[in-house]
PDB file of N, CA and C in Angstrom:
ATOM      1  N   MET A   1     115.642  61.795 101.287  1.00  0.00           N
ATOM      2  CA  MET A   1     115.382  62.702 100.167  1.00  0.00           C
ATOM      3  C   MET A   1     114.644  61.936  99.070  1.00  0.00           C
ATOM      4  N   ASP A   2     113.638  62.564  98.517  1.00  0.00           N
ATOM      5  CA  ASP A   2     112.901  61.926  97.429  1.00  0.00           C
ATOM      6  C   ASP A   2     113.802  61.808  96.206  1.00  0.00           C
ATOM      7  N   THR A   3     113.646  60.723  95.469  1.00  0.00           N
ATOM      8  CA  THR A   3     114.464  60.548  94.276  1.00  0.00           C
ATOM      9  C   THR A   3     113.706  60.960  93.018  1.00  0.00           C
ATOM     10  N   LEU A   4     112.421  61.247  93.156  1.00  0.00           N
ATOM     11  CA  LEU A   4     111.651  61.721  92.007  1.00  0.00           C
ATOM     12  C   LEU A   4     112.086  63.144  91.674  1.00  0.00           C
ATOM     13  N   ASN A   5     111.779  63.570  90.465  1.00  0.00           N
ATOM     14  CA  ASN A   5     112.190  64.911  90.067  1.00  0.00           C
ATOM     15  C   ASN A   5     111.141  65.982  90.300  1.00  0.00           C
ATOM     16  N   LYS A   6     109.928  65.575  90.655  1.00  0.00           N
ATOM     17  CA  LYS A   6     108.868  66.564  90.862  1.00  0.00           C
ATOM     18  C   LYS A   6     107.941  66.107  91.976  1.00  0.00           C
ATOM     19  N   TYR A   7     107.312  67.096  92.614  1.00  0.00           N
ATOM     20  CA  TYR A   7     106.290  66.793  93.606  1.00  0.00           C
ATOM     21  C   TYR A   7     104.963  66.524  92.894  1.00  0.00           C
ATOM     22  N   SER A   8     104.107  65.764  93.557  1.00  0.00           N
ATOM     23  CA  SER A   8     102.789  65.446  92.991  1.00  0.00           C
ATOM     24  C   SER A   8     101.915  66.694  92.974  1.00  0.00           C
ATOM     25  N   LYS A   9     100.847  66.620  92.185  1.00  0.00           N
ATOM     26  CA  LYS A   9      99.903  67.744  92.122  1.00  0.00           C
ATOM     27  C   LYS A   9      99.301  68.022  93.501  1.00  0.00           C
ATOM     28  N   LYS A  10      99.070  66.957  94.264  1.00  0.00           N
ATOM     29  CA  LYS A  10      98.517  67.114  95.619  1.00  0.00           C
ATOM     30  C   LYS A  10      99.498  67.887  96.507  1.00  0.00           C
ATOM     31  N   ASP A  11     100.779  67.498  96.455  1.00  0.00           N
ATOM     32  CA  ASP A  11     101.797  68.198  97.234  1.00  0.00           C
ATOM     33  C   ASP A  11     101.903  69.652  96.799  1.00  0.00           C
ATOM     34  N   LEU A  12     101.907  69.878  95.490  1.00  0.00           N
ATOM     35  CA  LEU A  12     102.025  71.247  94.975  1.00  0.00           C
ATOM     36  C   LEU A  12     100.840  72.100  95.414  1.00  0.00           C
ATOM     37  N   ALA A  13      99.645  71.502  95.445  1.00  0.00           N
ATOM     38  CA  ALA A  13      98.459  72.238  95.906  1.00  0.00           C
ATOM     39  C   ALA A  13      98.617  72.615  97.375  1.00  0.00           C
ATOM     40  N   GLU A  14      99.185  71.710  98.173  1.00  0.00           N
ATOM     41  CA  GLU A  14      99.414  71.999  99.589  1.00  0.00           C
ATOM     42  C   GLU A  14     100.430  73.136  99.753  1.00  0.00           C
ATOM     43  N   PHE A  15     101.517  73.065  98.990  1.00  0.00           N
ATOM     44  CA  PHE A  15     102.524  74.133  99.055  1.00  0.00           C
ATOM     45  C   PHE A  15     101.931  75.469  98.608  1.00  0.00           C
ATOM     46  N   LYS A  16     101.097  75.422  97.581  1.00  0.00           N
ATOM     47  CA  LYS A  16     100.467  76.650  97.081  1.00  0.00           C
ATOM     48  C   LYS A  16      99.600  77.285  98.166  1.00  0.00           C
ATOM     49  N   ASP A  17      98.840  76.459  98.885  1.00  0.00           N
ATOM     50  CA  ASP A  17      98.011  76.977  99.986  1.00  0.00           C
ATOM     51  C   ASP A  17      98.875  77.622 101.071  1.00  0.00           C
ATOM     52  N   ILE A  18      99.985  76.967 101.406  1.00  0.00           N
ATOM     53  CA  ILE A  18     100.905  77.513 102.419  1.00  0.00           C
ATOM     54  C   ILE A  18     101.444  78.864 101.954  1.00  0.00           C
ATOM     55  N   ILE A  19     101.863  78.924 100.694  1.00  0.00           N
ATOM     56  CA  ILE A  19     102.438  80.158 100.140  1.00  0.00           C
ATOM     57  C   ILE A  19     101.395  81.277 100.108  1.00  0.00           C
ATOM     58  N   LEU A  20     100.196  80.969  99.652  1.00  0.00           N
ATOM     59  CA  LEU A  20      99.139  81.995  99.588  1.00  0.00           C
ATOM     60  C   LEU A  20      98.816  82.537 100.980  1.00  0.00           C
ATOM     61  N   ALA A  21      98.784  81.663 101.976  1.00  0.00           N
ATOM     62  CA  ALA A  21      98.524  82.106 103.352  1.00  0.00           C
ATOM     63  C   ALA A  21      99.662  83.014 103.835  1.00  0.00           C
ATOM     64  N   LYS A  22     100.905  82.634 103.523  1.00  0.00           N
ATOM     65  CA  LYS A  22     102.043  83.454 103.933  1.00  0.00           C
ATOM     66  C   LYS A  22     102.034  84.811 103.227  1.00  0.00           C
ATOM     67  N   ILE A  23     101.657  84.835 101.954  1.00  0.00           N
ATOM     68  CA  ILE A  23     101.574  86.108 101.220  1.00  0.00           C
ATOM     69  C   ILE A  23     100.529  87.005 101.871  1.00  0.00           C
ATOM     70  N   ALA A  24      99.371  86.452 102.191  1.00  0.00           N
ATOM     71  CA  ALA A  24      98.300  87.248 102.810  1.00  0.00           C
ATOM     72  C   ALA A  24      98.771  87.830 104.136  1.00  0.00           C
ATOM     73  N   HIS A  25      99.420  87.021 104.954  1.00  0.00           N
ATOM     74  CA  HIS A  25      99.907  87.479 106.254  1.00  0.00           C
ATOM     75  C   HIS A  25     101.006  88.532 106.077  1.00  0.00           C
ATOM     76  N   ALA A  26     101.922  88.282 105.156  1.00  0.00           N
ATOM     77  CA  ALA A  26     103.019  89.216 104.907  1.00  0.00           C
ATOM     78  C   ALA A  26     102.485  90.545 104.379  1.00  0.00           C
ATOM     79  N   GLN A  27     101.450  90.494 103.542  1.00  0.00           N
ATOM     80  CA  GLN A  27     100.860  91.724 102.998  1.00  0.00           C
ATOM     81  C   GLN A  27     100.187  92.529 104.118  1.00  0.00           C
ATOM     82  N   GLU A  28      99.527  91.847 105.059  1.00  0.00           N
ATOM     83  CA  GLU A  28      98.930  92.541 106.207  1.00  0.00           C
ATOM     84  C   GLU A  28     100.013  93.260 107.010  1.00  0.00           C
ATOM     85  N   ASP A  29     101.132  92.547 107.259  1.00  0.00           N
ATOM     86  CA  ASP A  29     102.245  93.159 108.003  1.00  0.00           C
ATOM     87  C   ASP A  29     102.803  94.366 107.259  1.00  0.00           C
ATOM     88  N   LEU A  30     102.946  94.235 105.938  1.00  0.00           N
ATOM     89  CA  LEU A  30     103.462  95.339 105.133  1.00  0.00           C
ATOM     90  C   LEU A  30     102.513  96.534 105.188  1.00  0.00           C
ATOM     91  N   ASP A  31     101.226  96.269 105.102  1.00  0.00           N
ATOM     92  CA  ASP A  31     100.234  97.350 105.183  1.00  0.00           C
ATOM     93  C   ASP A  31     100.311  98.063 106.533  1.00  0.00           C
ATOM     94  N   LEU A  32     100.530  97.308 107.619  1.00  0.00           N
ATOM     95  CA  LEU A  32     100.684  97.921 108.943  1.00  0.00           C
ATOM     96  C   LEU A  32     101.922  98.814 108.987  1.00  0.00           C
ATOM     97  N   LEU A  33     103.025  98.333 108.421  1.00  0.00           N
ATOM     98  CA  LEU A  33     104.254  99.130 108.392  1.00  0.00           C
ATOM     99  C   LEU A  33     104.049 100.406 107.599  1.00  0.00           C
ATOM    100  N   LYS A  34     103.404 100.282 106.441  1.00  0.00           N
ATOM    101  CA  LYS A  34     103.152 101.468 105.610  1.00  0.00           C
ATOM    102  C   LYS A  34     102.199 102.427 106.312  1.00  0.00           C
ATOM    103  N   GLY A  35     101.231 101.884 107.044  1.00  0.00           N
ATOM    104  CA  GLY A  35     100.316 102.722 107.817  1.00  0.00           C
ATOM    105  C   GLY A  35     101.047 103.483 108.901  1.00  0.00           C
ATOM    106  N   ALA A  36     102.076 102.866 109.488  1.00  0.00           N
ATOM    107  CA  ALA A  36     102.872 103.527 110.522  1.00  0.00           C
ATOM    108  C   ALA A  36     103.594 104.738 109.952  1.00  0.00           C
ATOM    109  N   PHE A  37     104.039 104.661 108.690  1.00  0.00           N
ATOM    110  CA  PHE A  37     104.709 105.812 108.058  1.00  0.00           C
ATOM    111  C   PHE A  37     103.765 107.001 108.027  1.00  0.00           C
ATOM    112  N   LYS A  38     102.532 106.738 107.628  1.00  0.00           N
ATOM    113  CA  LYS A  38     101.558 107.819 107.468  1.00  0.00           C
ATOM    114  C   LYS A  38     101.161 108.430 108.809  1.00  0.00           C
ATOM    115  N   ASN A  39     101.150 107.624 109.879  1.00  0.00           N
ATOM    116  CA  ASN A  39     100.717 108.112 111.183  1.00  0.00           C
ATOM    117  C   ASN A  39     101.844 108.699 112.019  1.00  0.00           C
ATOM    118  N   ASP A  40     103.083 108.652 111.520  1.00  0.00           N
ATOM    119  CA  ASP A  40     104.227 109.160 112.280  1.00  0.00           C
ATOM    120  C   ASP A  40     104.315 110.692 112.302  1.00  0.00           C
ATOM    121  N   ARG A  41     103.610 111.353 111.441  1.00  0.00           N
ATOM    122  CA  ARG A  41     103.781 112.798 111.302  1.00  0.00           C
ATOM    123  C   ARG A  41     103.467 113.578 112.573  1.00  0.00           C
ATOM    124  N   ASN A  42     102.397 113.280 113.259  1.00  0.00           N
ATOM    125  CA  ASN A  42     102.020 114.078 114.416  1.00  0.00           C
ATOM    126  C   ASN A  42     101.922 113.173 115.639  1.00  0.00           C
ATOM    127  N   ASN A  43     102.953 113.251 116.489  1.00  0.00           N
ATOM    128  CA  ASN A  43     102.926 112.384 117.669  1.00  0.00           C
ATOM    129  C   ASN A  43     102.699 113.174 118.950  1.00  0.00           C
ATOM    130  N   GLY A  44     102.189 114.404 118.832  1.00  0.00           N
ATOM    131  CA  GLY A  44     101.752 115.154 119.996  1.00  0.00           C
ATOM    132  C   GLY A  44     102.851 115.815 120.802  1.00  0.00           C
ATOM    133  N   THR A  45     103.986 116.131 120.197  1.00  0.00           N
ATOM    134  CA  THR A  45     105.077 116.761 120.962  1.00  0.00           C
ATOM    135  C   THR A  45     105.142 118.269 120.748  1.00  0.00           C
ATOM    136  N   GLU A  46     104.162 118.865 120.099  1.00  0.00           N
ATOM    137  CA  GLU A  46     104.216 120.293 119.800  1.00  0.00           C
ATOM    138  C   GLU A  46     104.309 121.169 121.048  1.00  0.00           C
ATOM    139  N   ASP A  47     103.657 120.792 122.134  1.00  0.00           N
ATOM    140  CA  ASP A  47     103.605 121.645 123.323  1.00  0.00           C
ATOM    141  C   ASP A  47     104.654 121.280 124.365  1.00  0.00           C
ATOM    142  N   THR A  48     105.529 120.351 124.088  1.00  0.00           N
ATOM    143  CA  THR A  48     106.498 119.934 125.093  1.00  0.00           C
ATOM    144  C   THR A  48     107.795 120.714 124.946  1.00  0.00           C
ATOM    145  N   SER A  49     108.703 120.521 125.896  1.00  0.00           N
ATOM    146  CA  SER A  49     109.961 121.273 125.897  1.00  0.00           C
ATOM    147  C   SER A  49     110.779 120.985 124.644  1.00  0.00           C
ATOM    148  N   PRO A  50     111.606 121.939 124.197  1.00  0.00           N
ATOM    149  CA  PRO A  50     112.417 121.748 122.992  1.00  0.00           C
ATOM    150  C   PRO A  50     113.357 120.543 123.093  1.00  0.00           C
ATOM    151  N   THR A  51     113.919 120.304 124.288  1.00  0.00           N
ATOM    152  CA  THR A  51     114.842 119.181 124.457  1.00  0.00           C
ATOM    153  C   THR A  51     114.115 117.864 124.226  1.00  0.00           C
ATOM    154  N   PHE A  52     112.945 117.740 124.838  1.00  0.00           N
ATOM    155  CA  PHE A  52     112.171 116.514 124.677  1.00  0.00           C
ATOM    156  C   PHE A  52     111.742 116.352 123.229  1.00  0.00           C
ATOM    157  N   LYS A  53     111.359 117.452 122.600  1.00  0.00           N
ATOM    158  CA  LYS A  53     110.923 117.401 121.203  1.00  0.00           C
ATOM    159  C   LYS A  53     112.072 116.934 120.310  1.00  0.00           C
ATOM    160  N   ALA A  54     113.286 117.428 120.526  1.00  0.00           N
ATOM    161  CA  ALA A  54     114.445 117.014 119.732  1.00  0.00           C
ATOM    162  C   ALA A  54     114.713 115.525 119.928  1.00  0.00           C
ATOM    163  N   PHE A  55     114.612 115.080 121.187  1.00  0.00           N
ATOM    164  CA  PHE A  55     114.804 113.657 121.488  1.00  0.00           C
ATOM    165  C   PHE A  55     113.755 112.819 120.763  1.00  0.00           C
ATOM    166  N   GLU A  56     112.514 113.258 120.817  1.00  0.00           N
ATOM    167  CA  GLU A  56     111.423 112.542 120.157  1.00  0.00           C
ATOM    168  C   GLU A  56     111.629 112.488 118.644  1.00  0.00           C
ATOM    169  N   GLU A  57     112.085 113.614 118.050  1.00  0.00           N
ATOM    170  CA  GLU A  57     112.295 113.640 116.606  1.00  0.00           C
ATOM    171  C   GLU A  57     113.418 112.682 116.206  1.00  0.00           C
ATOM    172  N   GLY A  58     114.482 112.637 117.016  1.00  0.00           N
ATOM    173  CA  GLY A  58     115.579 111.704 116.744  1.00  0.00           C
ATOM    174  C   GLY A  58     115.103 110.276 116.841  1.00  0.00           C
ATOM    175  N   SER A  59     114.323 109.997 117.860  1.00  0.00           N
ATOM    176  CA  SER A  59     113.767 108.661 118.055  1.00  0.00           C
ATOM    177  C   SER A  59     112.822 108.306 116.912  1.00  0.00           C
ATOM    178  N   GLU A  60     112.040 109.295 116.482  1.00  0.00           N
ATOM    179  CA  GLU A  60     111.094 109.082 115.394  1.00  0.00           C
ATOM    180  C   GLU A  60     111.839 108.756 114.096  1.00  0.00           C
ATOM    181  N   THR A  61     112.960 109.451 113.855  1.00  0.00           N
ATOM    182  CA  THR A  61     113.757 109.201 112.657  1.00  0.00           C
ATOM    183  C   THR A  61     114.306 107.782 112.675  1.00  0.00           C
ATOM    184  N   MET A  62     114.832 107.348 113.842  1.00  0.00           N
ATOM    185  CA  MET A  62     115.347 105.991 113.952  1.00  0.00           C
ATOM    186  C   MET A  62     114.229 104.974 113.730  1.00  0.00           C
ATOM    187  N   SER A  63     113.072 105.259 114.298  1.00  0.00           N
ATOM    188  CA  SER A  63     111.930 104.366 114.159  1.00  0.00           C
ATOM    189  C   SER A  63     111.498 104.264 112.693  1.00  0.00           C
ATOM    190  N   LYS A  64     111.476 105.408 112.000  1.00  0.00           N
ATOM    191  CA  LYS A  64     111.096 105.411 110.586  1.00  0.00           C
ATOM    192  C   LYS A  64     112.083 104.604 109.760  1.00  0.00           C
ATOM    193  N   GLU A  65     113.380 104.781 110.050  1.00  0.00           N
ATOM    194  CA  GLU A  65     114.400 104.033 109.311  1.00  0.00           C
ATOM    195  C   GLU A  65     114.235 102.527 109.543  1.00  0.00           C
ATOM    196  N   ALA A  66     113.951 102.156 110.785  1.00  0.00           N
ATOM    197  CA  ALA A  66     113.736 100.737 111.099  1.00  0.00           C
ATOM    198  C   ALA A  66     112.507 100.222 110.355  1.00  0.00           C
ATOM    199  N   ASN A  67     111.438 101.022 110.332  1.00  0.00           N
ATOM    200  CA  ASN A  67     110.216 100.623 109.625  1.00  0.00           C
ATOM    201  C   ASN A  67     110.458 100.492 108.127  1.00  0.00           C
ATOM    202  N   VAL A  68     111.267 101.403 107.566  1.00  0.00           N
ATOM    203  CA  VAL A  68     111.575 101.330 106.139  1.00  0.00           C
ATOM    204  C   VAL A  68     112.328 100.033 105.842  1.00  0.00           C
ATOM    205  N   GLN A  69     113.313  99.705 106.686  1.00  0.00           N
ATOM    206  CA  GLN A  69     114.071  98.464 106.500  1.00  0.00           C
ATOM    207  C   GLN A  69     113.162  97.241 106.610  1.00  0.00           C
ATOM    208  N   LEU A  70     112.266  97.251 107.589  1.00  0.00           N
ATOM    209  CA  LEU A  70     111.316  96.141 107.742  1.00  0.00           C
ATOM    210  C   LEU A  70     110.408  96.031 106.515  1.00  0.00           C
ATOM    211  N   ALA A  71     109.953  97.172 106.008  1.00  0.00           N
ATOM    212  CA  ALA A  71     109.076  97.177 104.831  1.00  0.00           C
ATOM    213  C   ALA A  71     109.811  96.633 103.610  1.00  0.00           C
ATOM    214  N   ILE A  72     111.076  97.008 103.440  1.00  0.00           N
ATOM    215  CA  ILE A  72     111.871  96.510 102.308  1.00  0.00           C
ATOM    216  C   ILE A  72     112.024  94.991 102.401  1.00  0.00           C
ATOM    217  N   ARG A  73     112.333  94.500 103.612  1.00  0.00           N
ATOM    218  CA  ARG A  73     112.471  93.046 103.799  1.00  0.00           C
ATOM    219  C   ARG A  73     111.151  92.329 103.528  1.00  0.00           C
ATOM    220  N   GLN A  74     110.052  92.947 103.978  1.00  0.00           N
ATOM    221  CA  GLN A  74     108.733  92.343 103.781  1.00  0.00           C
ATOM    222  C   GLN A  74     108.377  92.285 102.292  1.00  0.00           C
ATOM    223  N   GLU A  75     108.697  93.354 101.562  1.00  0.00           N
ATOM    224  CA  GLU A  75     108.430  93.372 100.124  1.00  0.00           C
ATOM    225  C   GLU A  75     109.244  92.292  99.407  1.00  0.00           C
ATOM    226  N   LYS A  76     110.496  92.096  99.823  1.00  0.00           N
ATOM    227  CA  LYS A  76     111.336  91.048  99.232  1.00  0.00           C
ATOM    228  C   LYS A  76     110.756  89.668  99.542  1.00  0.00           C
ATOM    229  N   PHE A  77     110.294  89.476 100.776  1.00  0.00           N
ATOM    230  CA  PHE A  77     109.689  88.207 101.180  1.00  0.00           C
ATOM    231  C   PHE A  77     108.467  87.903 100.308  1.00  0.00           C
ATOM    232  N   ILE A  78     107.621  88.894 100.094  1.00  0.00           N
ATOM    233  CA  ILE A  78     106.422  88.722  99.263  1.00  0.00           C
ATOM    234  C   ILE A  78     106.827  88.395  97.826  1.00  0.00           C
ATOM    235  N   ARG A  79     107.843  89.097  97.319  1.00  0.00           N
ATOM    236  CA  ARG A  79     108.343  88.835  95.963  1.00  0.00           C
ATOM    237  C   ARG A  79     108.868  87.387  95.848  1.00  0.00           C
ATOM    238  N   ASP A  80     109.624  86.942  96.866  1.00  0.00           N
ATOM    239  CA  ASP A  80     110.144  85.564  96.878  1.00  0.00           C
ATOM    240  C   ASP A  80     109.008  84.542  96.889  1.00  0.00           C
ATOM    241  N   LEU A  81     107.959  84.831  97.668  1.00  0.00           N
ATOM    242  CA  LEU A  81     106.803  83.926  97.718  1.00  0.00           C
ATOM    243  C   LEU A  81     106.070  83.892  96.374  1.00  0.00           C
ATOM    244  N   ASN A  82     105.929  85.055  95.744  1.00  0.00           N
ATOM    245  CA  ASN A  82     105.285  85.102  94.426  1.00  0.00           C
ATOM    246  C   ASN A  82     106.114  84.338  93.388  1.00  0.00           C
ATOM    247  N   ASN A  83     107.442  84.434  93.503  1.00  0.00           N
ATOM    248  CA  ASN A  83     108.318  83.676  92.603  1.00  0.00           C
ATOM    249  C   ASN A  83     108.135  82.172  92.816  1.00  0.00           C
ATOM    250  N   ALA A  84     107.905  81.766  94.074  1.00  0.00           N
ATOM    251  CA  ALA A  84     107.654  80.352  94.369  1.00  0.00           C
ATOM    252  C   ALA A  84     106.364  79.896  93.676  1.00  0.00           C
ATOM    253  N   LEU A  85     105.343  80.761  93.674  1.00  0.00           N
ATOM    254  CA  LEU A  85     104.096  80.424  92.964  1.00  0.00           C
ATOM    255  C   LEU A  85     104.359  80.228  91.474  1.00  0.00           C
ATOM    256  N   LEU A  86     105.219  81.071  90.909  1.00  0.00           N
ATOM    257  CA  LEU A  86     105.574  80.928  89.495  1.00  0.00           C
ATOM    258  C   LEU A  86     106.277  79.590  89.239  1.00  0.00           C
ATOM    259  N   ARG A  87     107.141  79.198  90.177  1.00  0.00           N
ATOM    260  CA  ARG A  87     107.834  77.912  90.026  1.00  0.00           C
ATOM    261  C   ARG A  87     106.849  76.747  90.098  1.00  0.00           C
ATOM    262  N   ILE A  88     105.796  76.888  90.904  1.00  0.00           N
ATOM    263  CA  ILE A  88     104.755  75.844  90.936  1.00  0.00           C
ATOM    264  C   ILE A  88     104.103  75.763  89.559  1.00  0.00           C
ATOM    265  N   GLU A  89     103.791  76.922  88.991  1.00  0.00           N
ATOM    266  CA  GLU A  89     103.125  76.965  87.682  1.00  0.00           C
ATOM    267  C   GLU A  89     104.004  76.394  86.569  1.00  0.00           C
ATOM    268  N   ASN A  90     105.319  76.683  86.609  1.00  0.00           N
ATOM    269  CA  ASN A  90     106.172  76.230  85.507  1.00  0.00           C
ATOM    270  C   ASN A  90     106.828  74.872  85.759  1.00  0.00           C
ATOM    271  N   GLY A  91     106.473  74.230  86.880  1.00  0.00           N
ATOM    272  CA  GLY A  91     106.931  72.867  87.133  1.00  0.00           C
ATOM    273  C   GLY A  91     108.328  72.726  87.707  1.00  0.00           C
ATOM    274  N   THR A  92     108.900  73.824  88.215  1.00  0.00           N
ATOM    275  CA  THR A  92     110.251  73.733  88.790  1.00  0.00           C
ATOM    276  C   THR A  92     110.255  73.880  90.305  1.00  0.00           C
ATOM    277  N   TYR A  93     109.088  73.968  90.916  1.00  0.00           N
ATOM    278  CA  TYR A  93     109.015  74.181  92.363  1.00  0.00           C
ATOM    279  C   TYR A  93     109.561  72.976  93.122  1.00  0.00           C
ATOM    280  N   GLY A  94     110.345  73.273  94.155  1.00  0.00           N
ATOM    281  CA  GLY A  94     110.842  72.230  95.044  1.00  0.00           C
ATOM    282  C   GLY A  94     112.089  71.529  94.545  1.00  0.00           C
ATOM    283  N   ILE A  95     112.614  71.980  93.412  1.00  0.00           N
ATOM    284  CA  ILE A  95     113.829  71.380  92.873  1.00  0.00           C
ATOM    285  C   ILE A  95     115.001  72.304  93.209  1.00  0.00           C
ATOM    286  N   CYS A  96     116.016  71.765  93.867  1.00  0.00           N
ATOM    287  CA  CYS A  96     117.182  72.548  94.256  1.00  0.00           C
ATOM    288  C   CYS A  96     117.889  73.067  93.008  1.00  0.00           C
ATOM    289  N   ARG A  97     118.168  74.369  92.989  1.00  0.00           N
ATOM    290  CA  ARG A  97     118.807  74.947  91.800  1.00  0.00           C
ATOM    291  C   ARG A  97     120.287  74.605  91.698  1.00  0.00           C
ATOM    292  N   VAL A  98     120.874  74.007  92.747  1.00  0.00           N
ATOM    293  CA  VAL A  98     122.284  73.601  92.703  1.00  0.00           C
ATOM    294  C   VAL A  98     122.414  72.110  92.421  1.00  0.00           C
ATOM    295  N   THR A  99     121.698  71.286  93.197  1.00  0.00           N
ATOM    296  CA  THR A  99     121.868  69.832  93.077  1.00  0.00           C
ATOM    297  C   THR A  99     120.894  69.198  92.085  1.00  0.00           C
ATOM    298  N   GLY A 100     119.776  69.876  91.799  1.00  0.00           N
ATOM    299  CA  GLY A 100     118.760  69.304  90.913  1.00  0.00           C
ATOM    300  C   GLY A 100     117.871  68.276  91.593  1.00  0.00           C
ATOM    301  N   LYS A 101     118.117  68.042  92.889  1.00  0.00           N
ATOM    302  CA  LYS A 101     117.305  67.087  93.651  1.00  0.00           C
ATOM    303  C   LYS A 101     116.112  67.815  94.271  1.00  0.00           C
ATOM    304  N   LEU A 102     115.128  67.024  94.708  1.00  0.00           N
ATOM    305  CA  LEU A 102     113.983  67.621  95.391  1.00  0.00           C
ATOM    306  C   LEU A 102     114.407  68.143  96.760  1.00  0.00           C
ATOM    307  N   ILE A 103     113.913  69.321  97.078  1.00  0.00           N
ATOM    308  CA  ILE A 103     114.119  69.895  98.412  1.00  0.00           C
ATOM    309  C   ILE A 103     113.158  69.165  99.346  1.00  0.00           C
ATOM    310  N   GLN A 104     113.612  68.829 100.540  1.00  0.00           N
ATOM    311  CA  GLN A 104     112.776  68.076 101.477  1.00  0.00           C
ATOM    312  C   GLN A 104     111.477  68.815 101.782  1.00  0.00           C
ATOM    313  N   LYS A 105     110.394  68.031 101.882  1.00  0.00           N
ATOM    314  CA  LYS A 105     109.073  68.592 102.178  1.00  0.00           C
ATOM    315  C   LYS A 105     109.071  69.423 103.449  1.00  0.00           C
ATOM    316  N   GLU A 106     109.736  68.919 104.487  1.00  0.00           N
ATOM    317  CA  GLU A 106     109.754  69.618 105.771  1.00  0.00           C
ATOM    318  C   GLU A 106     110.358  71.009 105.608  1.00  0.00           C
ATOM    319  N   ARG A 107     111.422  71.107 104.808  1.00  0.00           N
ATOM    320  CA  ARG A 107     112.063  72.412 104.567  1.00  0.00           C
ATOM    321  C   ARG A 107     111.113  73.345 103.822  1.00  0.00           C
ATOM    322  N   LEU A 108     110.438  72.818 102.802  1.00  0.00           N
ATOM    323  CA  LEU A 108     109.534  73.657 102.019  1.00  0.00           C
ATOM    324  C   LEU A 108     108.319  74.106 102.829  1.00  0.00           C
ATOM    325  N   LYS A 109     107.893  73.289 103.780  1.00  0.00           N
ATOM    326  CA  LYS A 109     106.763  73.704 104.620  1.00  0.00           C
ATOM    327  C   LYS A 109     107.171  74.862 105.524  1.00  0.00           C
ATOM    328  N   LEU A 110     108.420  74.870 105.972  1.00  0.00           N
ATOM    329  CA  LEU A 110     108.914  75.957 106.822  1.00  0.00           C
ATOM    330  C   LEU A 110     109.353  77.167 106.004  1.00  0.00           C
ATOM    331  N   VAL A 111     110.009  76.899 104.868  1.00  0.00           N
ATOM    332  CA  VAL A 111     110.527  77.969 104.007  1.00  0.00           C
ATOM    333  C   VAL A 111     110.035  77.679 102.586  1.00  0.00           C
ATOM    334  N   PRO A 112     108.752  77.990 102.313  1.00  0.00           N
ATOM    335  CA  PRO A 112     108.168  77.580 101.036  1.00  0.00           C
ATOM    336  C   PRO A 112     108.778  78.254  99.811  1.00  0.00           C
ATOM    337  N   HIS A 113     109.566  79.311 100.017  1.00  0.00           N
ATOM    338  CA  HIS A 113     110.200  79.979  98.885  1.00  0.00           C
ATOM    339  C   HIS A 113     111.644  79.517  98.678  1.00  0.00           C
ATOM    340  N   ALA A 114     112.054  78.469  99.419  1.00  0.00           N
ATOM    341  CA  ALA A 114     113.429  77.958  99.313  1.00  0.00           C
ATOM    342  C   ALA A 114     113.720  77.478  97.893  1.00  0.00           C
ATOM    343  N   THR A 115     114.935  77.759  97.430  1.00  0.00           N
ATOM    344  CA  THR A 115     115.373  77.277  96.120  1.00  0.00           C
ATOM    345  C   THR A 115     116.603  76.375  96.261  1.00  0.00           C
ATOM    346  N   LEU A 116     117.063  76.206  97.507  1.00  0.00           N
ATOM    347  CA  LEU A 116     118.226  75.372  97.781  1.00  0.00           C
ATOM    348  C   LEU A 116     117.874  74.292  98.793  1.00  0.00           C
ATOM    349  N   SER A 117     118.406  73.102  98.571  1.00  0.00           N
ATOM    350  CA  SER A 117     118.264  72.038  99.561  1.00  0.00           C
ATOM    351  C   SER A 117     119.210  72.345 100.723  1.00  0.00           C
ATOM    352  N   ILE A 118     119.025  71.650 101.833  1.00  0.00           N
ATOM    353  CA  ILE A 118     119.937  71.815 102.973  1.00  0.00           C
ATOM    354  C   ILE A 118     121.365  71.490 102.533  1.00  0.00           C
ATOM    355  N   GLU A 119     121.495  70.445 101.732  1.00  0.00           N
ATOM    356  CA  GLU A 119     122.810  70.023 101.220  1.00  0.00           C
ATOM    357  C   GLU A 119     123.500  71.170 100.459  1.00  0.00           C
ATOM    358  N   ALA A 120     122.767  71.822  99.560  1.00  0.00           N
ATOM    359  CA  ALA A 120     123.338  72.922  98.789  1.00  0.00           C
ATOM    360  C   ALA A 120     123.616  74.127  99.678  1.00  0.00           C
ATOM    361  N   LYS A 121     122.759  74.359 100.664  1.00  0.00           N
ATOM    362  CA  LYS A 121     122.937  75.473 101.590  1.00  0.00           C
ATOM    363  C   LYS A 121     124.243  75.283 102.374  1.00  0.00           C
ATOM    364  N   ARG A 122     124.507  74.053 102.801  1.00  0.00           N
ATOM    365  CA  ARG A 122     125.737  73.755 103.547  1.00  0.00           C
ATOM    366  C   ARG A 122     126.972  73.958 102.675  1.00  0.00           C
ATOM    367  N   MET A 123     126.852  73.649 101.380  1.00  0.00           N
ATOM    368  CA  MET A 123     127.981  73.823 100.466  1.00  0.00           C
ATOM    369  C   MET A 123     128.361  75.305 100.342  1.00  0.00           C
ATOM    370  N   GLN A 124     127.366  76.186 100.511  1.00  0.00           N
ATOM    371  CA  GLN A 124     127.619  77.626 100.402  1.00  0.00           C
ATOM    372  C   GLN A 124     128.391  78.173 101.592  1.00  0.00           C
ATOM    373  N   SER A 125     128.226  77.565 102.778  1.00  0.00           N
ATOM    374  CA  SER A 125     128.855  78.130 103.972  1.00  0.00           C
ATOM    375  C   SER A 125     130.299  77.753 104.115  1.00  0.00           C
TER     376      SER A 125
END
C-alpha cells in the first residue's frame, strides 16, 4: 500500500481516462436499455391466439421490469463514476473514506469509483 496521501497527476490522468471510457460505455448500454423500452410496444402478437398473446404479455412485463432494474443500476453506476471524477477534481480521489490510506492502484483500475480500500471493505463484512 502506498504511504503517500495522494496519487500523482499522471496517475490521476490515467484514472480519469479509465473513468471517462467506462462512462461512455455505460451510457451506450443505458441508451440501449432505454431504446428497448420504446421498442417493446409492438412485438407482433396481434394475430396470434389469445393464450399465446397472454403469455407474451406476461413475458414482456417481466422483461420490462428486468430492463428497468438494469437501467436503474446503470444510472447509479454512471452517477458513481461521475462522483469519482469530482473526487479527482477536488483532490480526494483514491483515498479510502474509512482508513484515510490510498486505495491500491490495482483496485482502482478495476473499480475506479471505489471509495473503500480492501482493508476497509473487509471490516464491513
